[in-house]
Amino acid sequence: MKELKKDCFIEKYSAFLIIIVFLIMGCSALSDQTNTSARQGEVPETQKSAPSYYDFGDVLIPSELKLDRKSSFVYQTAGLSAGVLVLKARVELNSLIKFFEVNMTKDNWRLLGSFKSPRTIMMFKKENRWCVINITATVYNTLVEIWVAPMTNESGSGLLKE
């Protein structure tokens, strides 16, 4: 009788152990499939960090900066975009300044001058427009304002003049 109970006990726990082993193997296989499908659905790092153009087609914006739509204002007509884009992110100030210096020049903007401090102002010019980039570093993030305005030779129009 004791032997029968002992055999029954061993069978129950053996079956329990086998079920546990299969569950563990099944979960690890499922985890591998999930990780593989997640990796296949991921965007490569180079595509994640690709800068892009927003409303001003010739002012490249780093991908780390996120647009603050409530604070931005852009006026667009045929052949003219003007206004201000406000962007925020946690980025390093000097690398952001260098980014704009390099990429604005690539987009045929000419750097007229800049003030560099915790609040940096960079002034650029093109044949018919001005661009002022105001970068303010705070404890928690970096605020970037990109102002683009048309240039005109007419007096009294209220637009920036050369």
Protein backbone atom coordinates (compact mmCIF):
# COMPACT_ATOMS: atom_id res chain seq x y z
CA MET A 1 0.00 0.00 0.00
CA LYS A 2 2.80 2.40 0.86
CA GLU A 3 4.48 1.51 -2.41
CA LEU A 4 1.31 2.35 -4.33
CA LYS A 5 1.14 5.77 -2.64
CA LYS A 6 4.83 6.31 -3.32
CA ASP A 7 4.40 5.44 -7.03
CA CYS A 8 1.36 7.70 -7.30
CA PHE A 9 3.30 10.52 -5.63
CA ILE A 10 6.24 10.13 -8.02
CA GLU A 11 3.93 10.02 -11.07
CA LYS A 12 2.08 13.17 -10.02
CA TYR A 13 5.25 15.16 -9.40
CA SER A 14 6.94 13.80 -12.52
CA ALA A 15 3.98 14.89 -14.60
CA PHE A 16 4.04 18.28 -12.83
CA LEU A 17 7.77 18.66 -13.56
CA ILE A 18 7.28 17.77 -17.24
CA ILE A 19 4.47 20.34 -17.55
CA ILE A 20 6.70 23.03 -15.95
CA VAL A 21 9.56 22.23 -18.36
CA PHE A 22 7.23 22.48 -21.39
CA LEU A 23 5.80 25.77 -20.12
CA ILE A 24 9.26 27.26 -19.68
CA MET A 25 10.35 26.09 -23.15
CA GLY A 26 7.15 27.42 -24.70
CA CYS A 27 7.52 30.83 -23.04
CA SER A 28 11.13 31.17 -24.16
CA ALA A 29 10.18 30.28 -27.75
CA LEU A 30 7.36 32.82 -27.64
CA SER A 31 9.74 35.43 -26.22
CA ASP A 32 12.23 34.79 -29.05
CA GLN A 33 9.49 35.23 -31.67
CA THR A 34 8.33 38.47 -30.04
CA ASN A 35 11.88 39.83 -29.93
CA THR A 36 12.49 38.86 -33.55
CA SER A 37 9.27 40.48 -34.77
CA ALA A 38 10.03 43.58 -32.68
CA ARG A 39 13.51 43.80 -34.20
CA GLN A 40 12.09 43.41 -37.71
CA GLY A 41 9.55 46.19 -37.05
CA GLU A 42 12.15 48.57 -35.62
CA VAL A 43 13.36 51.52 -37.63
CA PRO A 44 17.14 51.44 -38.11
CA GLU A 45 19.04 53.91 -35.94
CA THR A 46 20.06 55.98 -38.97
CA GLN A 47 16.43 56.50 -39.94
CA LYS A 48 15.35 57.33 -36.38
CA SER A 49 17.78 60.21 -36.12
CA ALA A 50 17.36 61.65 -39.60
CA PRO A 51 16.76 65.41 -39.47
CA SER A 52 13.82 66.81 -41.43
CA TYR A 53 12.32 69.99 -42.82
CA TYR A 54 9.13 71.38 -41.30
CA ASP A 55 7.21 74.35 -42.69
CA PHE A 56 10.34 76.12 -43.94
CA GLY A 57 11.67 73.94 -46.74
CA ASP A 58 15.23 75.18 -46.36
CA VAL A 59 15.72 75.07 -42.59
CA LEU A 60 16.76 71.57 -41.48
CA ILE A 61 15.62 70.54 -37.98
CA PRO A 62 17.35 67.83 -35.88
CA SER A 63 15.06 64.88 -35.19
CA GLU A 64 15.57 65.21 -31.43
CA LEU A 65 13.68 68.52 -31.43
CA LYS A 66 9.92 68.21 -31.02
CA LEU A 67 7.59 70.86 -32.44
CA ASP A 68 5.48 72.89 -30.01
CA ARG A 69 2.46 73.54 -32.24
CA LYS A 70 0.71 75.82 -29.74
CA SER A 71 3.65 78.24 -29.68
CA SER A 72 4.43 78.09 -33.42
CA PHE A 73 2.96 80.26 -36.15
CA VAL A 74 3.63 79.93 -39.88
CA TYR A 75 2.16 82.03 -42.68
CA GLN A 76 2.27 80.39 -46.10
CA THR A 77 1.33 81.63 -49.56
CA ALA A 78 2.53 80.64 -53.01
CA GLY A 79 6.29 81.07 -52.86
CA LEU A 80 6.44 82.44 -49.28
CA SER A 81 6.71 80.85 -45.87
CA ALA A 82 7.28 83.06 -42.84
CA GLY A 83 6.72 82.87 -39.12
CA VAL A 84 8.15 81.10 -36.12
CA LEU A 85 8.66 77.46 -35.23
CA VAL A 86 9.12 76.63 -31.56
CA LEU A 87 10.80 73.34 -30.71
CA LYS A 88 11.96 71.67 -27.48
CA ALA A 89 14.20 68.79 -26.46
CA ARG A 90 16.99 67.75 -24.14
CA VAL A 91 19.99 68.33 -26.38
CA GLU A 92 23.51 69.59 -25.86
CA LEU A 93 23.76 73.30 -26.70
CA ASN A 94 27.09 73.31 -28.58
CA SER A 95 26.18 70.38 -30.82
CA LEU A 96 22.86 72.08 -31.67
CA ILE A 97 24.66 75.32 -32.57
CA LYS A 98 27.11 73.40 -34.76
CA PHE A 99 24.21 71.55 -36.42
CA PHE A 100 22.57 74.81 -37.49
CA GLU A 101 25.87 76.40 -38.58
CA VAL A 102 26.67 73.46 -40.86
CA ASN A 103 23.20 72.72 -42.26
CA MET A 104 22.04 76.29 -42.80
CA THR A 105 25.17 76.86 -44.90
CA LYS A 106 24.35 73.71 -46.91
CA ASP A 107 20.87 75.18 -47.59
CA ASN A 108 22.50 78.38 -48.96
CA TRP A 109 21.92 80.53 -45.87
CA ARG A 110 24.75 82.91 -44.98
CA LEU A 111 25.61 83.34 -41.30
CA LEU A 112 25.68 87.08 -40.56
CA GLY A 113 26.52 86.82 -36.88
CA SER A 114 25.74 85.15 -33.60
CA PHE A 115 25.65 85.70 -29.86
CA LYS A 116 26.70 82.63 -27.90
CA SER A 117 25.79 82.19 -24.24
CA PRO A 118 23.13 80.18 -22.39
CA ARG A 119 20.87 82.07 -24.79
CA THR A 120 22.32 81.87 -28.30
CA ILE A 121 21.06 83.89 -31.23
CA MET A 122 22.15 83.08 -34.79
CA MET A 123 21.27 85.37 -37.71
CA PHE A 124 21.18 84.06 -41.28
CA LYS A 125 20.34 85.68 -44.60
CA LYS A 126 19.28 84.49 -48.05
CA GLU A 127 18.54 86.48 -51.19
CA ASN A 128 15.00 87.40 -50.08
CA ARG A 129 14.66 86.24 -46.46
CA TRP A 130 16.09 86.46 -42.97
CA CYS A 131 16.29 83.66 -40.44
CA VAL A 132 16.94 84.15 -36.74
CA ILE A 133 17.50 81.09 -34.58
CA ASN A 134 17.14 81.66 -30.84
CA ILE A 135 18.41 78.79 -28.68
CA THR A 136 17.82 78.95 -24.92
CA ALA A 137 19.34 76.32 -22.64
CA THR A 138 17.49 75.61 -19.40
CA VAL A 139 18.01 73.08 -16.64
CA TYR A 140 15.49 70.63 -18.07
CA ASN A 141 15.54 71.16 -21.84
CA THR A 142 16.59 73.34 -24.74
CA LEU A 143 14.11 75.71 -26.37
CA VAL A 144 14.64 76.61 -30.03
CA GLU A 145 12.77 79.37 -31.86
CA ILE A 146 13.28 79.62 -35.61
CA TRP A 147 12.05 82.91 -37.04
CA VAL A 148 11.87 83.31 -40.83
CA ALA A 149 10.80 86.64 -42.35
CA PRO A 150 10.75 87.98 -45.90
CA MET A 151 12.99 90.84 -46.89
CA THR A 152 11.77 93.75 -48.99
CA ASN A 153 13.12 97.02 -50.33
CA GLU A 154 9.79 98.85 -49.96
CA SER A 155 9.66 101.48 -47.22
CA GLY A 156 7.03 101.34 -44.52
CA SER A 157 5.97 97.75 -45.15
CA GLY A 158 6.90 96.56 -41.67
CA LEU A 159 9.02 93.69 -43.03
CA LEU A 160 12.72 93.29 -42.37
CA LYS A 161 14.87 95.31 -44.74
CA GLU A 162 18.38 94.95 -45.97
